[in-house]
Amino acid sequence: MGRQFELRNQHTVFILGAGFSRLRGLPLISDFALRMRDAAIWCERNGREIEARSIFEVLRFRLEAASAAYRISLDLENIEELFSLASAGSPDITSDVRIAIAATLNYCESAEAHPQVRFDYKSNRELQVLCPQGGDSVDTDIYPVLLRKLLGSRGEEQASFVSFNYDLVLEGAFKALGLQWNYFINDEGKVGGYPLLKLHGSMNWGAGDGLVEQYESYEDLRNSGQELSIVPPTWNKVLSPTLVNVWRKANQIISTATNIVVIGFSMPSTDLHFKYLLASGTRNNVSLRKIVFVDPSDALSARAGLIFNTREIANNKVLFLKKRIEDAFFLGPHEGSQKYTLRRDVDILY
């Protein structure tokens, strides 16, 4: 009788939420609305009228929606609740919501400096691609170093990424390391590359004629005039055929995971898809050893208790590392400087 499952010995699946990109200056759910207001002014000053108009449309909706909060408990500063309300009552604003999200992320990327890390070149030879000139110590962007440390010596068959983020922080880290990634969009996917499955779309994906067109950057997408292919964070997510394929691939990858490391994802109540993605993906998984959550929130373990069997938590099959991702790998930033340094006693996440 044929085997109905795939057995793996080494395959780590990293699931990334907004907390992964926070160090780059990108907003969390809690402060997204505030940063969106800043982005509106920035777009106006830089002649980006379409994006400014979309943000002001979303802010206008938020002002009009305030009356709903008198009768129903709503936090309209929480964009998941605000966008969920828009999805339910004002579907015409959906395009403005997409543009407002991307413009806000683009503003934050432009407004914040890249965090730096200093490390000794001689004792970190795996990072030599970041410092081709050599030297005793090197200062470089922190995310390529973080990615290299997450990957360790894993090849493309041993590490995969599932992301709820729209930003291009991880792609930038792959580029800096000279590594390839694979979105698996349009149901074909290029050959090779670390799987990077962006479940809600990406800032560099354009909605073409039934297919998603991939651009090098958000600026390239803006200049193309194509509509963004992203799904706003709401309870009512409508997935395009392309994203259905991406979710299907994520399900397949999770089904072969030996370890799942969830970084900076708080499991919000509006994202029930996550619960069922894990349930479906692990249903036929005989390789899974543990699931590790990397997040400083105390509320995360309580939310996890509503999703995972308490037996799994009690048996340390579901673990919680209550740290920000940079605290697990770096020291700093140091006083008077924005630079971090590599830790020697790195916490093992997998």
C-alpha atoms as a PDB file:
ATOM      1  CA  MET A   1       0.000   0.000   0.000  1.00  0.00           C
ATOM      2  CA  GLY A   2       1.406   3.410  -1.026  1.00  0.00           C
ATOM      3  CA  ARG A   3       2.416   5.915   1.612  1.00  0.00           C
ATOM      4  CA  GLN A   4      -0.023   8.839   1.929  1.00  0.00           C
ATOM      5  CA  PHE A   5       2.425  11.281   3.489  1.00  0.00           C
ATOM      6  CA  GLU A   6       5.966  12.624   3.096  1.00  0.00           C
ATOM      7  CA  LEU A   7       8.457  12.004   5.889  1.00  0.00           C
ATOM      8  CA  ARG A   8      11.142  14.664   6.417  1.00  0.00           C
ATOM      9  CA  ASN A   9      14.036  14.855   8.874  1.00  0.00           C
ATOM     10  CA  GLN A  10      14.987  18.517   8.512  1.00  0.00           C
ATOM     11  CA  HIS A  11      12.543  21.131   7.285  1.00  0.00           C
ATOM     12  CA  THR A  12      11.951  24.352   9.223  1.00  0.00           C
ATOM     13  CA  VAL A  13       9.021  26.520   8.207  1.00  0.00           C
ATOM     14  CA  PHE A  14       9.253  30.141   9.341  1.00  0.00           C
ATOM     15  CA  ILE A  15       5.896  31.923   9.594  1.00  0.00           C
ATOM     16  CA  LEU A  16       6.328  35.702   9.656  1.00  0.00           C
ATOM     17  CA  GLY A  17       4.027  38.409  10.959  1.00  0.00           C
ATOM     18  CA  ALA A  18       4.313  42.195  11.247  1.00  0.00           C
ATOM     19  CA  GLY A  19       6.649  41.883  14.236  1.00  0.00           C
ATOM     20  CA  PHE A  20       9.336  40.483  11.943  1.00  0.00           C
ATOM     21  CA  SER A  21       9.520  43.772   9.999  1.00  0.00           C
ATOM     22  CA  ARG A  22       9.095  46.097  12.973  1.00  0.00           C
ATOM     23  CA  LEU A  23      12.842  46.640  13.334  1.00  0.00           C
ATOM     24  CA  ARG A  24      12.837  48.137   9.811  1.00  0.00           C
ATOM     25  CA  GLY A  25      10.429  50.809  11.077  1.00  0.00           C
ATOM     26  CA  LEU A  26       7.313  49.240   9.587  1.00  0.00           C
ATOM     27  CA  PRO A  27       4.156  49.559  11.695  1.00  0.00           C
ATOM     28  CA  LEU A  28       2.376  46.959  13.753  1.00  0.00           C
ATOM     29  CA  ILE A  29      -1.409  46.687  13.784  1.00  0.00           C
ATOM     30  CA  SER A  30      -1.508  48.867  16.904  1.00  0.00           C
ATOM     31  CA  ASP A  31       0.170  51.898  15.327  1.00  0.00           C
ATOM     32  CA  PHE A  32      -0.688  51.459  11.645  1.00  0.00           C
ATOM     33  CA  ALA A  33      -3.518  54.017  11.691  1.00  0.00           C
ATOM     34  CA  LEU A  34      -1.224  56.645  13.212  1.00  0.00           C
ATOM     35  CA  ARG A  35       1.494  56.058  10.619  1.00  0.00           C
ATOM     36  CA  MET A  36      -1.138  56.170   7.887  1.00  0.00           C
ATOM     37  CA  ARG A  37      -1.935  59.768   8.858  1.00  0.00           C
ATOM     38  CA  ASP A  38       1.758  60.661   8.511  1.00  0.00           C
ATOM     39  CA  ALA A  39       1.846  58.915   5.148  1.00  0.00           C
ATOM     40  CA  ALA A  40      -1.040  61.040   3.848  1.00  0.00           C
ATOM     41  CA  ILE A  41       0.924  64.259   4.403  1.00  0.00           C
ATOM     42  CA  TRP A  42       4.070  62.693   2.936  1.00  0.00           C
ATOM     43  CA  CYS A  43       2.215  61.619  -0.197  1.00  0.00           C
ATOM     44  CA  GLU A  44       0.731  65.097  -0.637  1.00  0.00           C
ATOM     45  CA  ARG A  45       4.125  66.779  -0.274  1.00  0.00           C
ATOM     46  CA  ASN A  46       5.695  64.421  -2.794  1.00  0.00           C
ATOM     47  CA  GLY A  47       3.026  64.798  -5.465  1.00  0.00           C
ATOM     48  CA  ARG A  48       1.604  61.304  -5.015  1.00  0.00           C
ATOM     49  CA  GLU A  49      -2.009  62.412  -5.418  1.00  0.00           C
ATOM     50  CA  ILE A  50      -3.596  59.001  -6.005  1.00  0.00           C
ATOM     51  CA  GLU A  51      -2.130  57.544  -2.820  1.00  0.00           C
ATOM     52  CA  ALA A  52      -2.929  60.672  -0.795  1.00  0.00           C
ATOM     53  CA  ARG A  53      -6.524  60.595  -2.012  1.00  0.00           C
ATOM     54  CA  SER A  54      -6.897  56.916  -1.096  1.00  0.00           C
ATOM     55  CA  ILE A  55      -5.549  57.476   2.415  1.00  0.00           C
ATOM     56  CA  PHE A  56      -7.888  60.437   2.948  1.00  0.00           C
ATOM     57  CA  GLU A  57     -10.797  58.294   1.740  1.00  0.00           C
ATOM     58  CA  VAL A  58      -9.932  55.675   4.349  1.00  0.00           C
ATOM     59  CA  LEU A  59      -9.607  58.365   7.042  1.00  0.00           C
ATOM     60  CA  ARG A  60     -12.943  59.845   5.977  1.00  0.00           C
ATOM     61  CA  PHE A  61     -14.543  56.424   6.324  1.00  0.00           C
ATOM     62  CA  ARG A  62     -12.985  56.083   9.768  1.00  0.00           C
ATOM     63  CA  LEU A  63     -14.544  59.414  10.800  1.00  0.00           C
ATOM     64  CA  GLU A  64     -17.969  58.411   9.477  1.00  0.00           C
ATOM     65  CA  ALA A  65     -17.670  54.971  11.100  1.00  0.00           C
ATOM     66  CA  ALA A  66     -17.227  56.489  14.553  1.00  0.00           C
ATOM     67  CA  SER A  67     -21.001  56.404  15.050  1.00  0.00           C
ATOM     68  CA  ALA A  68     -20.949  52.607  14.811  1.00  0.00           C
ATOM     69  CA  ALA A  69     -18.722  52.470  17.886  1.00  0.00           C
ATOM     70  CA  TYR A  70     -21.511  53.974  20.022  1.00  0.00           C
ATOM     71  CA  ARG A  71     -23.531  50.769  19.736  1.00  0.00           C
ATOM     72  CA  ILE A  72     -20.941  48.095  18.960  1.00  0.00           C
ATOM     73  CA  SER A  73     -17.615  47.641  20.715  1.00  0.00           C
ATOM     74  CA  LEU A  74     -15.123  48.635  18.008  1.00  0.00           C
ATOM     75  CA  ASP A  75     -11.578  49.950  18.151  1.00  0.00           C
ATOM     76  CA  LEU A  76     -11.322  52.023  14.988  1.00  0.00           C
ATOM     77  CA  GLU A  77      -7.654  52.753  15.652  1.00  0.00           C
ATOM     78  CA  ASN A  78      -7.103  49.035  15.045  1.00  0.00           C
ATOM     79  CA  ILE A  79      -6.891  48.744  11.273  1.00  0.00           C
ATOM     80  CA  GLU A  80      -8.112  45.144  11.305  1.00  0.00           C
ATOM     81  CA  GLU A  81     -11.392  46.289  12.839  1.00  0.00           C
ATOM     82  CA  LEU A  82     -11.560  49.399  10.656  1.00  0.00           C
ATOM     83  CA  PHE A  83     -10.906  47.493   7.432  1.00  0.00           C
ATOM     84  CA  SER A  84     -13.258  44.691   8.469  1.00  0.00           C
ATOM     85  CA  LEU A  85     -16.009  47.261   8.942  1.00  0.00           C
ATOM     86  CA  ALA A  86     -15.221  48.743   5.532  1.00  0.00           C
ATOM     87  CA  SER A  87     -15.294  45.287   3.953  1.00  0.00           C
ATOM     88  CA  ALA A  88     -18.697  44.548   5.454  1.00  0.00           C
ATOM     89  CA  GLY A  89     -20.404  47.890   4.815  1.00  0.00           C
ATOM     90  CA  SER A  90     -18.480  49.777   2.136  1.00  0.00           C
ATOM     91  CA  PRO A  91     -16.912  47.371  -0.379  1.00  0.00           C
ATOM     92  CA  ASP A  92     -16.349  50.266  -2.816  1.00  0.00           C
ATOM     93  CA  ILE A  93     -13.508  51.492  -0.618  1.00  0.00           C
ATOM     94  CA  THR A  94     -11.520  48.256  -0.981  1.00  0.00           C
ATOM     95  CA  SER A  95      -9.213  49.638  -3.688  1.00  0.00           C
ATOM     96  CA  ASP A  96      -8.470  52.710  -1.546  1.00  0.00           C
ATOM     97  CA  VAL A  97      -7.682  50.445   1.407  1.00  0.00           C
ATOM     98  CA  ARG A  98      -5.134  48.496  -0.660  1.00  0.00           C
ATOM     99  CA  ILE A  99      -3.444  51.662  -1.873  1.00  0.00           C
ATOM    100  CA  ALA A 100      -3.454  53.190   1.624  1.00  0.00           C
ATOM    101  CA  ILE A 101      -1.760  50.103   3.066  1.00  0.00           C
ATOM    102  CA  ALA A 102       1.006  50.056   0.452  1.00  0.00           C
ATOM    103  CA  ALA A 103       1.560  53.825   0.579  1.00  0.00           C
ATOM    104  CA  THR A 104       1.859  53.724   4.379  1.00  0.00           C
ATOM    105  CA  LEU A 105       4.414  50.921   4.255  1.00  0.00           C
ATOM    106  CA  ASN A 106       6.347  52.728   1.528  1.00  0.00           C
ATOM    107  CA  TYR A 107       6.365  55.927   3.611  1.00  0.00           C
ATOM    108  CA  CYS A 108       7.644  54.084   6.676  1.00  0.00           C
ATOM    109  CA  GLU A 109      10.426  52.471   4.648  1.00  0.00           C
ATOM    110  CA  SER A 110      11.443  55.896   3.351  1.00  0.00           C
ATOM    111  CA  ALA A 111      11.232  57.625   6.736  1.00  0.00           C
ATOM    112  CA  GLU A 112      13.253  55.147   8.795  1.00  0.00           C
ATOM    113  CA  ALA A 113      16.971  54.411   8.637  1.00  0.00           C
ATOM    114  CA  HIS A 114      18.111  50.847   8.068  1.00  0.00           C
ATOM    115  CA  PRO A 115      19.187  49.330  11.394  1.00  0.00           C
ATOM    116  CA  GLN A 116      22.815  48.228  11.344  1.00  0.00           C
ATOM    117  CA  VAL A 117      24.701  45.369  12.938  1.00  0.00           C
ATOM    118  CA  ARG A 118      28.428  45.140  13.623  1.00  0.00           C
ATOM    119  CA  PHE A 119      30.111  41.762  13.595  1.00  0.00           C
ATOM    120  CA  ASP A 120      33.566  40.279  13.466  1.00  0.00           C
ATOM    121  CA  TYR A 121      34.317  39.163   9.927  1.00  0.00           C
ATOM    122  CA  LYS A 122      36.825  36.449  10.794  1.00  0.00           C
ATOM    123  CA  SER A 123      34.504  34.521  13.108  1.00  0.00           C
ATOM    124  CA  ASN A 124      31.410  34.868  10.873  1.00  0.00           C
ATOM    125  CA  ARG A 125      32.641  33.626   7.514  1.00  0.00           C
ATOM    126  CA  GLU A 126      29.141  32.605   6.464  1.00  0.00           C
ATOM    127  CA  LEU A 127      28.440  36.348   6.175  1.00  0.00           C
ATOM    128  CA  GLN A 128      31.389  37.104   3.896  1.00  0.00           C
ATOM    129  CA  VAL A 129      29.072  37.923   0.999  1.00  0.00           C
ATOM    130  CA  LEU A 130      28.058  41.030   2.978  1.00  0.00           C
ATOM    131  CA  CYS A 131      31.631  42.201   3.405  1.00  0.00           C
ATOM    132  CA  PRO A 132      33.667  41.297   0.303  1.00  0.00           C
ATOM    133  CA  GLN A 133      36.506  43.610   1.357  1.00  0.00           C
ATOM    134  CA  GLY A 134      37.137  41.682   4.561  1.00  0.00           C
ATOM    135  CA  GLY A 135      38.451  43.512   7.606  1.00  0.00           C
ATOM    136  CA  ASP A 136      38.280  42.943  11.324  1.00  0.00           C
ATOM    137  CA  SER A 137      34.705  44.151  11.801  1.00  0.00           C
ATOM    138  CA  VAL A 138      31.910  45.135   9.456  1.00  0.00           C
ATOM    139  CA  ASP A 139      28.771  47.260   9.752  1.00  0.00           C
ATOM    140  CA  THR A 140      25.884  46.184   7.544  1.00  0.00           C
ATOM    141  CA  ASP A 141      22.085  46.045   7.400  1.00  0.00           C
ATOM    142  CA  ILE A 142      20.668  43.848  10.103  1.00  0.00           C
ATOM    143  CA  TYR A 143      18.098  41.869   8.084  1.00  0.00           C
ATOM    144  CA  PRO A 144      20.522  39.965   5.802  1.00  0.00           C
ATOM    145  CA  VAL A 145      22.458  38.960   8.923  1.00  0.00           C
ATOM    146  CA  LEU A 146      19.236  37.909  10.629  1.00  0.00           C
ATOM    147  CA  LEU A 147      18.174  35.867   7.600  1.00  0.00           C
ATOM    148  CA  ARG A 148      21.562  34.162   7.404  1.00  0.00           C
ATOM    149  CA  LYS A 149      21.330  33.237  11.090  1.00  0.00           C
ATOM    150  CA  LEU A 150      17.799  31.877  10.650  1.00  0.00           C
ATOM    151  CA  LEU A 151      18.850  29.775   7.681  1.00  0.00           C
ATOM    152  CA  GLY A 152      22.018  28.442   9.275  1.00  0.00           C
ATOM    153  CA  SER A 153      23.344  25.845   6.870  1.00  0.00           C
ATOM    154  CA  ARG A 154      19.882  24.942   5.549  1.00  0.00           C
ATOM    155  CA  GLY A 155      19.437  24.640   1.837  1.00  0.00           C
ATOM    156  CA  GLU A 156      16.325  25.278  -0.214  1.00  0.00           C
ATOM    157  CA  GLU A 157      14.872  21.890   0.685  1.00  0.00           C
ATOM    158  CA  GLN A 158      15.267  22.499   4.424  1.00  0.00           C
ATOM    159  CA  ALA A 159      13.851  25.997   4.988  1.00  0.00           C
ATOM    160  CA  SER A 160      10.662  27.667   3.811  1.00  0.00           C
ATOM    161  CA  PHE A 161       8.954  30.964   4.604  1.00  0.00           C
ATOM    162  CA  VAL A 162       5.259  31.712   4.952  1.00  0.00           C
ATOM    163  CA  SER A 163       4.535  35.416   5.376  1.00  0.00           C
ATOM    164  CA  PHE A 164       1.487  37.482   6.295  1.00  0.00           C
ATOM    165  CA  ASN A 165       3.413  40.650   5.413  1.00  0.00           C
ATOM    166  CA  TYR A 166       3.087  42.792   2.295  1.00  0.00           C
ATOM    167  CA  ASP A 167       6.504  44.444   2.629  1.00  0.00           C
ATOM    168  CA  LEU A 168       9.723  43.518   0.830  1.00  0.00           C
ATOM    169  CA  VAL A 169      12.035  43.342   3.842  1.00  0.00           C
ATOM    170  CA  LEU A 170      12.749  39.630   3.463  1.00  0.00           C
ATOM    171  CA  GLU A 171      13.254  39.907  -0.289  1.00  0.00           C
ATOM    172  CA  GLY A 172      15.854  42.634   0.309  1.00  0.00           C
ATOM    173  CA  ALA A 173      17.705  40.316   2.694  1.00  0.00           C
ATOM    174  CA  PHE A 174      17.676  37.488   0.137  1.00  0.00           C
ATOM    175  CA  LYS A 175      19.083  39.847  -2.502  1.00  0.00           C
ATOM    176  CA  ALA A 176      21.873  41.040  -0.195  1.00  0.00           C
ATOM    177  CA  LEU A 177      22.911  37.424   0.441  1.00  0.00           C
ATOM    178  CA  GLY A 178      22.756  36.523  -3.246  1.00  0.00           C
ATOM    179  CA  LEU A 179      20.021  33.948  -2.583  1.00  0.00           C
ATOM    180  CA  GLN A 180      16.931  33.211  -4.657  1.00  0.00           C
ATOM    181  CA  TRP A 181      13.350  32.956  -3.463  1.00  0.00           C
ATOM    182  CA  ASN A 182      10.233  31.533  -5.070  1.00  0.00           C
ATOM    183  CA  TYR A 183       6.764  33.059  -4.649  1.00  0.00           C
ATOM    184  CA  PHE A 184       4.970  30.142  -6.345  1.00  0.00           C
ATOM    185  CA  ILE A 185       2.509  32.546  -7.964  1.00  0.00           C
ATOM    186  CA  ASN A 186       0.447  31.859 -11.094  1.00  0.00           C
ATOM    187  CA  ASP A 187       0.504  28.131 -10.271  1.00  0.00           C
ATOM    188  CA  GLU A 188       3.878  27.478 -11.853  1.00  0.00           C
ATOM    189  CA  GLY A 189       6.632  29.013  -9.767  1.00  0.00           C
ATOM    190  CA  LYS A 190      10.174  29.309 -11.038  1.00  0.00           C
ATOM    191  CA  VAL A 191      12.512  26.392 -10.499  1.00  0.00           C
ATOM    192  CA  GLY A 192      14.615  26.637  -7.355  1.00  0.00           C
ATOM    193  CA  GLY A 193      14.806  29.238  -4.628  1.00  0.00           C
ATOM    194  CA  TYR A 194      13.652  29.247  -1.025  1.00  0.00           C
ATOM    195  CA  PRO A 195       9.843  29.112  -0.917  1.00  0.00           C
ATOM    196  CA  LEU A 196       8.452  32.517   0.132  1.00  0.00           C
ATOM    197  CA  LEU A 197       4.686  32.234   0.303  1.00  0.00           C
ATOM    198  CA  LYS A 198       3.000  35.593   0.879  1.00  0.00           C
ATOM    199  CA  LEU A 199      -0.504  34.632   1.895  1.00  0.00           C
ATOM    200  CA  HIS A 200      -2.022  38.102   1.610  1.00  0.00           C
ATOM    201  CA  GLY A 201      -0.121  39.276  -1.463  1.00  0.00           C
ATOM    202  CA  SER A 202       2.826  41.617  -1.814  1.00  0.00           C
ATOM    203  CA  MET A 203       3.659  45.271  -2.464  1.00  0.00           C
ATOM    204  CA  ASN A 204       5.350  44.266  -5.711  1.00  0.00           C
ATOM    205  CA  TRP A 205       2.530  42.146  -7.118  1.00  0.00           C
ATOM    206  CA  GLY A 206       0.261  43.627  -9.753  1.00  0.00           C
ATOM    207  CA  ALA A 207      -3.136  42.275 -10.748  1.00  0.00           C
ATOM    208  CA  GLY A 208      -2.864  41.521 -14.462  1.00  0.00           C
ATOM    209  CA  ASP A 209      -5.188  39.671 -16.823  1.00  0.00           C
ATOM    210  CA  GLY A 210      -6.077  36.839 -14.483  1.00  0.00           C
ATOM    211  CA  LEU A 211      -2.433  36.479 -13.416  1.00  0.00           C
ATOM    212  CA  VAL A 212      -0.192  38.234 -10.926  1.00  0.00           C
ATOM    213  CA  GLU A 213       2.708  40.163 -12.408  1.00  0.00           C
ATOM    214  CA  GLN A 214       5.804  40.428 -10.239  1.00  0.00           C
ATOM    215  CA  TYR A 215       7.770  43.700 -10.143  1.00  0.00           C
ATOM    216  CA  GLU A 216      11.193  44.458  -8.711  1.00  0.00           C
ATOM    217  CA  SER A 217       9.813  47.093  -6.343  1.00  0.00           C
ATOM    218  CA  TYR A 218       6.694  48.934  -5.258  1.00  0.00           C
ATOM    219  CA  GLU A 219       7.906  51.953  -7.247  1.00  0.00           C
ATOM    220  CA  ASP A 220       7.981  49.845 -10.408  1.00  0.00           C
ATOM    221  CA  LEU A 221       4.447  48.647  -9.681  1.00  0.00           C
ATOM    222  CA  ARG A 222       3.228  52.230  -9.110  1.00  0.00           C
ATOM    223  CA  ASN A 223       4.741  53.352 -12.393  1.00  0.00           C
ATOM    224  CA  SER A 224       3.080  50.465 -14.242  1.00  0.00           C
ATOM    225  CA  GLY A 225      -0.413  51.662 -13.350  1.00  0.00           C
ATOM    226  CA  GLN A 226      -1.493  48.144 -12.408  1.00  0.00           C
ATOM    227  CA  GLU A 227      -3.673  47.541  -9.372  1.00  0.00           C
ATOM    228  CA  LEU A 228      -2.060  46.100  -6.272  1.00  0.00           C
ATOM    229  CA  SER A 229      -2.634  42.405  -5.659  1.00  0.00           C
ATOM    230  CA  ILE A 230      -2.983  42.338  -1.870  1.00  0.00           C
ATOM    231  CA  VAL A 231      -5.732  41.267   0.526  1.00  0.00           C
ATOM    232  CA  PRO A 232      -6.426  43.733   3.364  1.00  0.00           C
ATOM    233  CA  PRO A 233      -6.417  42.382   6.950  1.00  0.00           C
ATOM    234  CA  THR A 234     -10.118  41.763   7.508  1.00  0.00           C
ATOM    235  CA  TRP A 235     -12.316  38.941   8.750  1.00  0.00           C
ATOM    236  CA  ASN A 236     -13.786  38.628   5.234  1.00  0.00           C
ATOM    237  CA  LYS A 237     -10.808  37.710   3.067  1.00  0.00           C
ATOM    238  CA  VAL A 238     -11.588  37.016  -0.581  1.00  0.00           C
ATOM    239  CA  LEU A 239      -8.646  35.215  -2.151  1.00  0.00           C
ATOM    240  CA  SER A 240      -7.832  35.439  -5.842  1.00  0.00           C
ATOM    241  CA  PRO A 241      -7.098  32.216  -7.744  1.00  0.00           C
ATOM    242  CA  THR A 242      -3.390  33.077  -7.504  1.00  0.00           C
ATOM    243  CA  LEU A 243      -3.517  33.410  -3.725  1.00  0.00           C
ATOM    244  CA  VAL A 244      -5.490  30.173  -3.498  1.00  0.00           C
ATOM    245  CA  ASN A 245      -2.504  28.525  -5.181  1.00  0.00           C
ATOM    246  CA  VAL A 246      -0.123  30.173  -2.713  1.00  0.00           C
ATOM    247  CA  TRP A 247      -2.209  28.974   0.251  1.00  0.00           C
ATOM    248  CA  ARG A 248      -2.298  25.484  -1.239  1.00  0.00           C
ATOM    249  CA  LYS A 249       1.489  25.477  -1.513  1.00  0.00           C
ATOM    250  CA  ALA A 250       1.759  26.746   2.087  1.00  0.00           C
ATOM    251  CA  ASN A 251      -0.464  23.876   3.197  1.00  0.00           C
ATOM    252  CA  GLN A 252       1.814  21.426   1.389  1.00  0.00           C
ATOM    253  CA  ILE A 253       4.948  22.913   2.939  1.00  0.00           C
ATOM    254  CA  ILE A 254       3.539  22.897   6.486  1.00  0.00           C
ATOM    255  CA  SER A 255       2.587  19.259   6.024  1.00  0.00           C
ATOM    256  CA  THR A 256       6.304  18.399   5.732  1.00  0.00           C
ATOM    257  CA  ALA A 257       7.642  20.688   8.476  1.00  0.00           C
ATOM    258  CA  THR A 258       9.774  19.215  11.230  1.00  0.00           C
ATOM    259  CA  ASN A 259       9.744  22.535  13.093  1.00  0.00           C
ATOM    260  CA  ILE A 260       7.531  25.593  12.710  1.00  0.00           C
ATOM    261  CA  VAL A 261       8.891  28.931  13.964  1.00  0.00           C
ATOM    262  CA  VAL A 262       6.305  31.716  14.144  1.00  0.00           C
ATOM    263  CA  ILE A 263       7.964  35.145  14.361  1.00  0.00           C
ATOM    264  CA  GLY A 264       6.141  38.354  15.197  1.00  0.00           C
ATOM    265  CA  PHE A 265       2.641  37.084  14.479  1.00  0.00           C
ATOM    266  CA  SER A 266       0.121  37.676  17.250  1.00  0.00           C
ATOM    267  CA  MET A 267      -2.659  35.433  15.888  1.00  0.00           C
ATOM    268  CA  PRO A 268      -5.291  38.219  15.726  1.00  0.00           C
ATOM    269  CA  SER A 269      -8.932  37.234  16.086  1.00  0.00           C
ATOM    270  CA  THR A 270      -9.691  38.500  12.563  1.00  0.00           C
ATOM    271  CA  ASP A 271      -7.279  35.966  11.063  1.00  0.00           C
ATOM    272  CA  LEU A 272      -9.075  32.663  11.490  1.00  0.00           C
ATOM    273  CA  HIS A 273      -7.377  31.516   8.295  1.00  0.00           C
ATOM    274  CA  PHE A 274      -4.191  30.924  10.303  1.00  0.00           C
ATOM    275  CA  LYS A 275      -5.911  28.434  12.581  1.00  0.00           C
ATOM    276  CA  TYR A 276      -7.249  26.408   9.698  1.00  0.00           C
ATOM    277  CA  LEU A 277      -4.030  26.663   7.705  1.00  0.00           C
ATOM    278  CA  LEU A 278      -2.167  25.051  10.608  1.00  0.00           C
ATOM    279  CA  ALA A 279      -4.913  22.493  11.178  1.00  0.00           C
ATOM    280  CA  SER A 280      -5.011  21.511   7.518  1.00  0.00           C
ATOM    281  CA  GLY A 281      -1.245  21.618   7.055  1.00  0.00           C
ATOM    282  CA  THR A 282      -0.446  19.505  10.105  1.00  0.00           C
ATOM    283  CA  ARG A 283      -3.262  17.001   9.530  1.00  0.00           C
ATOM    284  CA  ASN A 284      -1.030  14.628   7.570  1.00  0.00           C
ATOM    285  CA  ASN A 285       2.262  15.731   9.121  1.00  0.00           C
ATOM    286  CA  VAL A 286       4.160  12.904  10.804  1.00  0.00           C
ATOM    287  CA  SER A 287       7.453  14.841  10.882  1.00  0.00           C
ATOM    288  CA  LEU A 288       6.488  17.768  13.136  1.00  0.00           C
ATOM    289  CA  ARG A 289       8.436  17.985  16.383  1.00  0.00           C
ATOM    290  CA  LYS A 290       7.533  21.406  17.754  1.00  0.00           C
ATOM    291  CA  ILE A 291       6.064  24.833  17.084  1.00  0.00           C
ATOM    292  CA  VAL A 292       7.927  27.828  18.508  1.00  0.00           C
ATOM    293  CA  PHE A 293       6.429  31.311  18.850  1.00  0.00           C
ATOM    294  CA  VAL A 294       8.917  34.188  19.013  1.00  0.00           C
ATOM    295  CA  ASP A 295       7.077  37.230  20.337  1.00  0.00           C
ATOM    296  CA  PRO A 296       7.309  39.284  23.566  1.00  0.00           C
ATOM    297  CA  SER A 297       3.537  39.444  24.082  1.00  0.00           C
ATOM    298  CA  ASP A 298       2.099  37.801  27.190  1.00  0.00           C
ATOM    299  CA  ALA A 299      -1.282  37.569  25.468  1.00  0.00           C
ATOM    300  CA  LEU A 300       0.062  35.247  22.782  1.00  0.00           C
ATOM    301  CA  SER A 301       0.117  32.138  24.979  1.00  0.00           C
ATOM    302  CA  ALA A 302      -3.505  32.769  25.971  1.00  0.00           C
ATOM    303  CA  ARG A 303      -4.530  33.047  22.322  1.00  0.00           C
ATOM    304  CA  ALA A 304      -2.542  29.921  21.507  1.00  0.00           C
ATOM    305  CA  GLY A 305      -4.509  28.080  24.177  1.00  0.00           C
ATOM    306  CA  LEU A 306      -7.648  28.710  22.118  1.00  0.00           C
ATOM    307  CA  ILE A 307      -6.083  27.182  18.994  1.00  0.00           C
ATOM    308  CA  PHE A 308      -3.808  24.363  20.140  1.00  0.00           C
ATOM    309  CA  ASN A 309      -4.682  21.325  22.170  1.00  0.00           C
ATOM    310  CA  THR A 310      -3.610  22.029  25.764  1.00  0.00           C
ATOM    311  CA  ARG A 311      -1.819  18.660  25.774  1.00  0.00           C
ATOM    312  CA  GLU A 312       0.563  19.926  23.081  1.00  0.00           C
ATOM    313  CA  ILE A 313       1.407  22.982  25.161  1.00  0.00           C
ATOM    314  CA  ALA A 314       1.830  20.969  28.359  1.00  0.00           C
ATOM    315  CA  ASN A 315       4.186  18.546  26.591  1.00  0.00           C
ATOM    316  CA  ASN A 316       6.338  21.402  25.237  1.00  0.00           C
ATOM    317  CA  LYS A 317       5.377  20.674  21.663  1.00  0.00           C
ATOM    318  CA  VAL A 318       4.206  24.305  21.471  1.00  0.00           C
ATOM    319  CA  LEU A 319       6.789  26.684  22.959  1.00  0.00           C
ATOM    320  CA  PHE A 320       6.928  30.433  23.575  1.00  0.00           C
ATOM    321  CA  LEU A 321      10.124  32.438  23.383  1.00  0.00           C
ATOM    322  CA  LYS A 322       9.012  35.790  24.842  1.00  0.00           C
ATOM    323  CA  LYS A 323      11.539  37.902  23.006  1.00  0.00           C
ATOM    324  CA  ARG A 324      11.646  40.180  20.046  1.00  0.00           C
ATOM    325  CA  ILE A 325      13.479  38.489  17.197  1.00  0.00           C
ATOM    326  CA  GLU A 326      16.433  40.892  17.391  1.00  0.00           C
ATOM    327  CA  ASP A 327      16.879  40.149  21.108  1.00  0.00           C
ATOM    328  CA  ALA A 328      17.374  36.468  20.328  1.00  0.00           C
ATOM    329  CA  PHE A 329      20.283  37.151  17.972  1.00  0.00           C
ATOM    330  CA  PHE A 330      21.677  40.584  18.749  1.00  0.00           C
ATOM    331  CA  LEU A 331      22.747  42.910  21.541  1.00  0.00           C
ATOM    332  CA  GLY A 332      21.824  46.584  21.447  1.00  0.00           C
ATOM    333  CA  PRO A 333      21.221  49.022  20.011  1.00  0.00           C
ATOM    334  CA  HIS A 334      24.027  50.571  21.979  1.00  0.00           C
ATOM    335  CA  GLU A 335      23.805  53.934  23.686  1.00  0.00           C
ATOM    336  CA  GLY A 336      24.480  56.793  21.290  1.00  0.00           C
ATOM    337  CA  SER A 337      24.320  54.438  18.328  1.00  0.00           C
ATOM    338  CA  GLN A 338      21.762  52.593  16.240  1.00  0.00           C
ATOM    339  CA  LYS A 339      24.108  49.658  15.765  1.00  0.00           C
ATOM    340  CA  TYR A 340      23.569  46.155  17.124  1.00  0.00           C
ATOM    341  CA  THR A 341      26.181  43.463  17.639  1.00  0.00           C
ATOM    342  CA  LEU A 342      25.843  39.724  17.192  1.00  0.00           C
ATOM    343  CA  ARG A 343      25.223  37.668  20.300  1.00  0.00           C
ATOM    344  CA  ARG A 344      27.536  34.785  21.048  1.00  0.00           C
ATOM    345  CA  ASP A 345      24.936  32.912  23.091  1.00  0.00           C
ATOM    346  CA  VAL A 346      22.259  32.692  20.418  1.00  0.00           C
ATOM    347  CA  ASP A 347      18.955  31.179  21.537  1.00  0.00           C
ATOM    348  CA  ILE A 348      18.113  28.076  19.556  1.00  0.00           C
ATOM    349  CA  LEU A 349      14.721  28.607  17.952  1.00  0.00           C
ATOM    350  CA  TYR A 350      14.463  25.288  16.136  1.00  0.00           C
END
